[in-house]
Amino acid sequence: MRLLLVEDDDHVAAALSAVLARHGFVVAHARSGEEALRALVPEPDAFGVVLLDLGLPDQDGYEVCGKIRKRTSTPVIMVTARADVRSRIHGLNLGADDYVVKPYDTGELLARIHAVSRRSVHDESVTPAEDGLRLGPVRIELPTRQVSVDGSAVQLTRKEFDLLALLAQRPGVVFRREQIISEVWRTSWEGTGRTLEVHVASLRSKLRMPALIETVRGVGYRLVAPAA
């Protein structure tokens, strides 16, 4: 896999590039936001993942993330020393797929790279429906926010639909609890965790498919695409 590393510190970049190369990645190094954006001009989807440092010399990494997201759907992992919750939420809301705080464990970073890259791979269990998605007997119509199972309409609340639509776009991929809460509830309040559990239980019940949403203990949830 080709990987774009956006890091202005040459020593950090060299050490990380060596580790990534040993694990089979082909690394392109950009030292500034402008270099990173130029690297994406010829082929916006040439890289499997972008590792983006926020402390760049020419422009803020958040700004760069926003520009990258306008050009490509390539997964972006922000790598930064900014550890506060507000910064993480801001990064995720701008379109980052994950957020890693320095200093980090290399093994964890590699696992996160593989995780976000899997999310961008097309899953044949999901087939496009007109203006929506079809997962086996489940049809999700995004513009009208309607859901049906085997042709029968299922009434969902707004948040239930948002949760299902989020998981359904990347079946098989584990979404971290904090990521779901950030994207569906637009908050980082820890108390929302219980609300998430209630919504998952309600979805399983209303869709009459308890195995559709799998709990990954200690991490979050993933959607298991049913057979057609």
Protein backbone atom coordinates (compact mmCIF):
# COMPACT_ATOMS: atom_id res chain seq x y z
CA MET A 1 0.00 0.00 0.00
CA ARG A 2 1.18 3.53 -0.80
CA LEU A 3 1.02 5.90 2.15
CA LEU A 4 1.45 9.68 2.25
CA LEU A 5 3.25 10.88 5.39
CA VAL A 6 2.82 14.60 6.04
CA GLU A 7 5.43 15.50 8.65
CA ASP A 8 7.76 18.53 8.78
CA ASP A 9 10.31 16.92 11.14
CA ASP A 10 12.74 14.96 8.94
CA HIS A 11 14.06 12.87 11.84
CA VAL A 12 10.56 11.78 12.88
CA ALA A 13 9.61 11.14 9.27
CA ALA A 14 12.71 9.06 8.58
CA ALA A 15 12.22 6.87 11.65
CA LEU A 16 8.53 6.32 10.98
CA SER A 17 9.10 5.71 7.26
CA ALA A 18 11.61 2.99 8.09
CA VAL A 19 9.11 1.24 10.37
CA LEU A 20 6.35 1.51 7.79
CA ALA A 21 8.62 0.20 5.04
CA ARG A 22 9.43 -2.87 7.12
CA HIS A 23 5.70 -3.58 7.26
CA GLY A 24 5.27 -3.37 3.50
CA PHE A 25 4.21 0.25 3.01
CA VAL A 26 5.57 2.44 0.22
CA VAL A 27 5.93 5.86 1.87
CA ALA A 28 5.88 9.26 0.17
CA HIS A 29 7.00 12.10 2.44
CA ALA A 30 5.56 15.62 2.31
CA ARG A 31 7.09 18.27 4.59
CA SER A 32 4.28 20.81 4.35
CA GLY A 33 0.60 21.09 3.66
CA GLU A 34 1.27 22.44 0.18
CA GLU A 35 3.53 19.50 -0.66
CA ALA A 36 0.86 17.10 0.54
CA LEU A 37 -1.83 18.72 -1.61
CA ARG A 38 0.47 18.73 -4.64
CA ALA A 39 1.13 15.02 -4.16
CA LEU A 40 -2.62 14.40 -4.44
CA VAL A 41 -3.11 16.44 -7.62
CA PRO A 42 -2.09 13.90 -10.30
CA GLU A 43 -3.91 10.96 -8.70
CA PRO A 44 -6.18 11.88 -5.75
CA ASP A 45 -6.68 8.20 -4.92
CA ALA A 46 -3.06 7.13 -5.36
CA PHE A 47 -2.54 6.60 -1.62
CA GLY A 48 -4.23 4.10 0.66
CA VAL A 49 -3.88 6.31 3.75
CA VAL A 50 -2.66 9.82 4.63
CA LEU A 51 -0.84 10.28 7.95
CA LEU A 52 -1.24 13.99 8.71
CA ASP A 53 0.69 15.90 11.35
CA LEU A 54 -1.16 19.02 12.52
CA GLY A 55 1.87 21.20 13.30
CA LEU A 56 2.92 22.06 9.75
CA PRO A 57 5.09 25.07 8.84
CA ASP A 58 2.90 26.61 6.13
CA GLN A 59 -0.70 25.98 7.24
CA ASP A 60 -2.65 24.35 10.02
CA GLY A 61 -3.16 20.62 9.65
CA TYR A 62 -6.90 21.03 10.18
CA GLU A 63 -7.04 23.25 7.11
CA VAL A 64 -5.05 20.72 5.13
CA CYS A 65 -7.42 17.93 6.20
CA GLY A 66 -10.39 19.90 4.95
CA LYS A 67 -8.73 20.46 1.57
CA ILE A 68 -7.75 16.79 1.28
CA ARG A 69 -11.30 15.73 2.02
CA LYS A 70 -12.59 17.93 -0.80
CA ARG A 71 -10.24 16.20 -3.25
CA THR A 72 -10.39 12.56 -2.24
CA SER A 73 -12.04 10.04 0.06
CA THR A 74 -8.64 8.56 0.98
CA PRO A 75 -8.59 7.80 4.74
CA VAL A 76 -6.80 10.44 6.83
CA ILE A 77 -5.25 9.75 10.23
CA MET A 78 -4.27 12.85 12.19
CA VAL A 79 -1.05 12.33 14.17
CA THR A 80 -0.48 15.09 16.72
CA ALA A 81 0.46 16.05 20.24
CA ARG A 82 -2.90 17.82 20.70
CA ALA A 83 -4.55 15.41 23.11
CA ASP A 84 -7.61 17.37 24.28
CA VAL A 85 -11.06 16.06 23.41
CA ARG A 86 -12.11 19.25 21.63
CA SER A 87 -9.19 18.93 19.18
CA ARG A 88 -10.02 15.29 18.47
CA ILE A 89 -13.67 16.07 17.83
CA HIS A 90 -12.74 18.98 15.57
CA GLY A 91 -10.46 16.73 13.54
CA LEU A 92 -13.07 14.01 13.14
CA ASN A 93 -15.73 16.52 12.17
CA LEU A 94 -13.45 17.88 9.44
CA GLY A 95 -13.32 14.45 7.88
CA ALA A 96 -10.40 12.69 9.54
CA ASP A 97 -10.97 8.95 9.87
CA ASP A 98 -8.91 8.58 13.03
CA TYR A 99 -6.82 10.61 15.48
CA VAL A 100 -3.60 9.38 17.09
CA VAL A 101 -1.92 11.29 19.91
CA LYS A 102 1.88 11.51 20.25
CA PRO A 103 3.72 9.72 21.72
CA TYR A 104 2.03 6.62 20.34
CA ASP A 105 2.77 2.93 20.23
CA THR A 106 3.93 1.92 16.74
CA GLY A 107 1.89 -1.27 16.87
CA GLU A 108 -1.26 0.69 17.61
CA LEU A 109 -0.55 3.11 14.75
CA LEU A 110 -0.10 0.21 12.34
CA ALA A 111 -3.35 -1.34 13.53
CA ARG A 112 -5.19 1.94 12.99
CA ILE A 113 -3.71 2.29 9.49
CA HIS A 114 -4.95 -1.17 8.56
CA ALA A 115 -8.35 -0.45 10.14
CA VAL A 116 -9.03 2.77 8.22
CA SER A 117 -7.72 1.29 4.97
CA ARG A 118 -10.20 -1.58 5.31
CA ARG A 119 -13.02 0.94 5.61
CA SER A 120 -12.21 2.36 2.17
CA VAL A 121 -12.29 -1.02 0.42
CA HIS A 122 -15.54 -1.75 -1.40
CA ASP A 123 -17.54 -4.43 0.33
CA GLU A 124 -19.44 -6.64 -2.12
CA SER A 125 -22.04 -7.44 0.57
CA VAL A 126 -23.33 -3.90 0.14
CA THR A 127 -25.01 -3.15 -3.16
CA PRO A 128 -26.10 0.32 -4.26
CA ALA A 129 -29.85 0.74 -4.33
CA GLU A 130 -31.51 3.69 -6.00
CA ASP A 131 -30.61 6.61 -3.71
CA GLY A 132 -29.53 4.25 -0.96
CA LEU A 133 -27.96 0.99 0.18
CA ARG A 134 -29.11 -2.60 0.26
CA LEU A 135 -27.71 -5.10 2.75
CA GLY A 136 -29.38 -8.42 2.15
CA PRO A 137 -33.06 -7.90 3.10
CA VAL A 138 -32.35 -4.44 4.54
CA ARG A 139 -32.85 -1.40 2.31
CA ILE A 140 -31.73 2.06 3.46
CA GLU A 141 -32.96 5.03 1.43
CA LEU A 142 -30.67 7.91 2.35
CA PRO A 143 -32.50 10.93 0.86
CA THR A 144 -35.90 9.98 2.33
CA ARG A 145 -34.40 8.45 5.49
CA GLN A 146 -36.56 5.35 5.14
CA VAL A 147 -35.62 1.79 6.07
CA SER A 148 -37.33 -1.45 5.12
CA VAL A 149 -36.72 -5.15 5.77
CA ASP A 150 -37.99 -7.59 3.16
CA GLY A 151 -40.08 -4.75 1.75
CA SER A 152 -41.76 -3.86 5.04
CA ALA A 153 -41.14 -0.34 6.33
CA VAL A 154 -39.43 0.05 9.71
CA GLN A 155 -40.02 3.25 11.68
CA LEU A 156 -36.79 4.60 13.14
CA THR A 157 -36.04 7.73 15.13
CA ARG A 158 -33.66 10.29 13.64
CA LYS A 159 -30.70 9.10 15.69
CA GLU A 160 -31.48 5.44 15.04
CA PHE A 161 -31.40 6.10 11.31
CA ASP A 162 -28.15 8.11 11.57
CA LEU A 163 -26.53 5.29 13.54
CA LEU A 164 -27.65 2.59 11.11
CA ALA A 165 -26.61 4.62 8.06
CA LEU A 166 -23.17 5.24 9.55
CA LEU A 167 -22.49 1.56 10.27
CA ALA A 168 -24.04 0.40 6.98
CA GLN A 169 -21.71 2.41 4.80
CA ARG A 170 -18.74 0.36 6.03
CA PRO A 171 -19.99 -3.10 7.02
CA GLY A 172 -17.50 -5.30 8.82
CA VAL A 173 -15.50 -2.29 10.02
CA VAL A 174 -15.39 -1.63 13.76
CA PHE A 175 -16.50 1.88 14.68
CA ARG A 176 -15.14 3.07 18.00
CA ARG A 177 -17.75 4.22 20.52
CA GLU A 178 -16.28 7.73 20.70
CA GLN A 179 -16.28 7.97 16.90
CA ILE A 180 -19.96 6.99 16.69
CA ILE A 181 -20.90 9.44 19.44
CA SER A 182 -18.95 12.21 17.71
CA GLU A 183 -20.51 11.60 14.29
CA VAL A 184 -24.10 10.80 15.32
CA TRP A 185 -24.55 12.92 18.47
CA ARG A 186 -21.93 15.57 17.70
CA THR A 187 -20.64 15.50 21.24
CA SER A 188 -17.94 13.89 23.36
CA TRP A 189 -20.00 13.70 26.58
CA GLU A 190 -19.22 10.36 28.18
CA GLY A 191 -22.78 9.99 29.39
CA THR A 192 -23.87 9.55 25.78
CA GLY A 193 -22.33 6.07 25.89
CA ARG A 194 -25.41 4.68 27.61
CA THR A 195 -27.61 6.39 25.03
CA LEU A 196 -25.63 4.65 22.29
CA GLU A 197 -26.24 1.26 23.89
CA VAL A 198 -29.97 1.95 24.08
CA HIS A 199 -30.09 2.95 20.39
CA VAL A 200 -28.21 -0.18 19.33
CA ALA A 201 -30.62 -2.37 21.30
CA SER A 202 -33.59 -0.55 19.76
CA LEU A 203 -32.25 -1.04 16.23
CA ARG A 204 -31.73 -4.75 16.79
CA SER A 205 -35.29 -5.05 18.05
CA LYS A 206 -37.01 -2.93 15.39
CA LEU A 207 -35.16 -4.59 12.51
CA ARG A 208 -35.78 -8.01 14.09
CA MET A 209 -32.15 -8.86 13.36
CA PRO A 210 -30.20 -9.11 16.65
CA ALA A 211 -27.03 -10.24 14.88
CA LEU A 212 -26.98 -7.30 12.45
CA ILE A 213 -25.02 -5.03 14.81
CA GLU A 214 -22.20 -6.78 16.62
CA THR A 215 -20.71 -5.49 19.86
CA VAL A 216 -16.90 -5.50 19.86
CA ARG A 217 -16.14 -5.56 23.55
CA GLY A 218 -14.12 -2.62 24.79
CA VAL A 219 -14.02 -0.96 21.36
CA GLY A 220 -17.38 -0.30 19.72
CA TYR A 221 -19.75 -1.75 17.15
CA ARG A 222 -19.77 -3.09 13.62
CA LEU A 223 -22.47 -4.03 11.17
CA VAL A 224 -22.45 -7.65 9.98
CA ALA A 225 -23.99 -7.63 6.50
CA PRO A 226 -26.71 -10.31 6.25
CA ALA A 227 -27.05 -12.72 3.35
CA ALA A 228 -29.33 -11.63 0.57
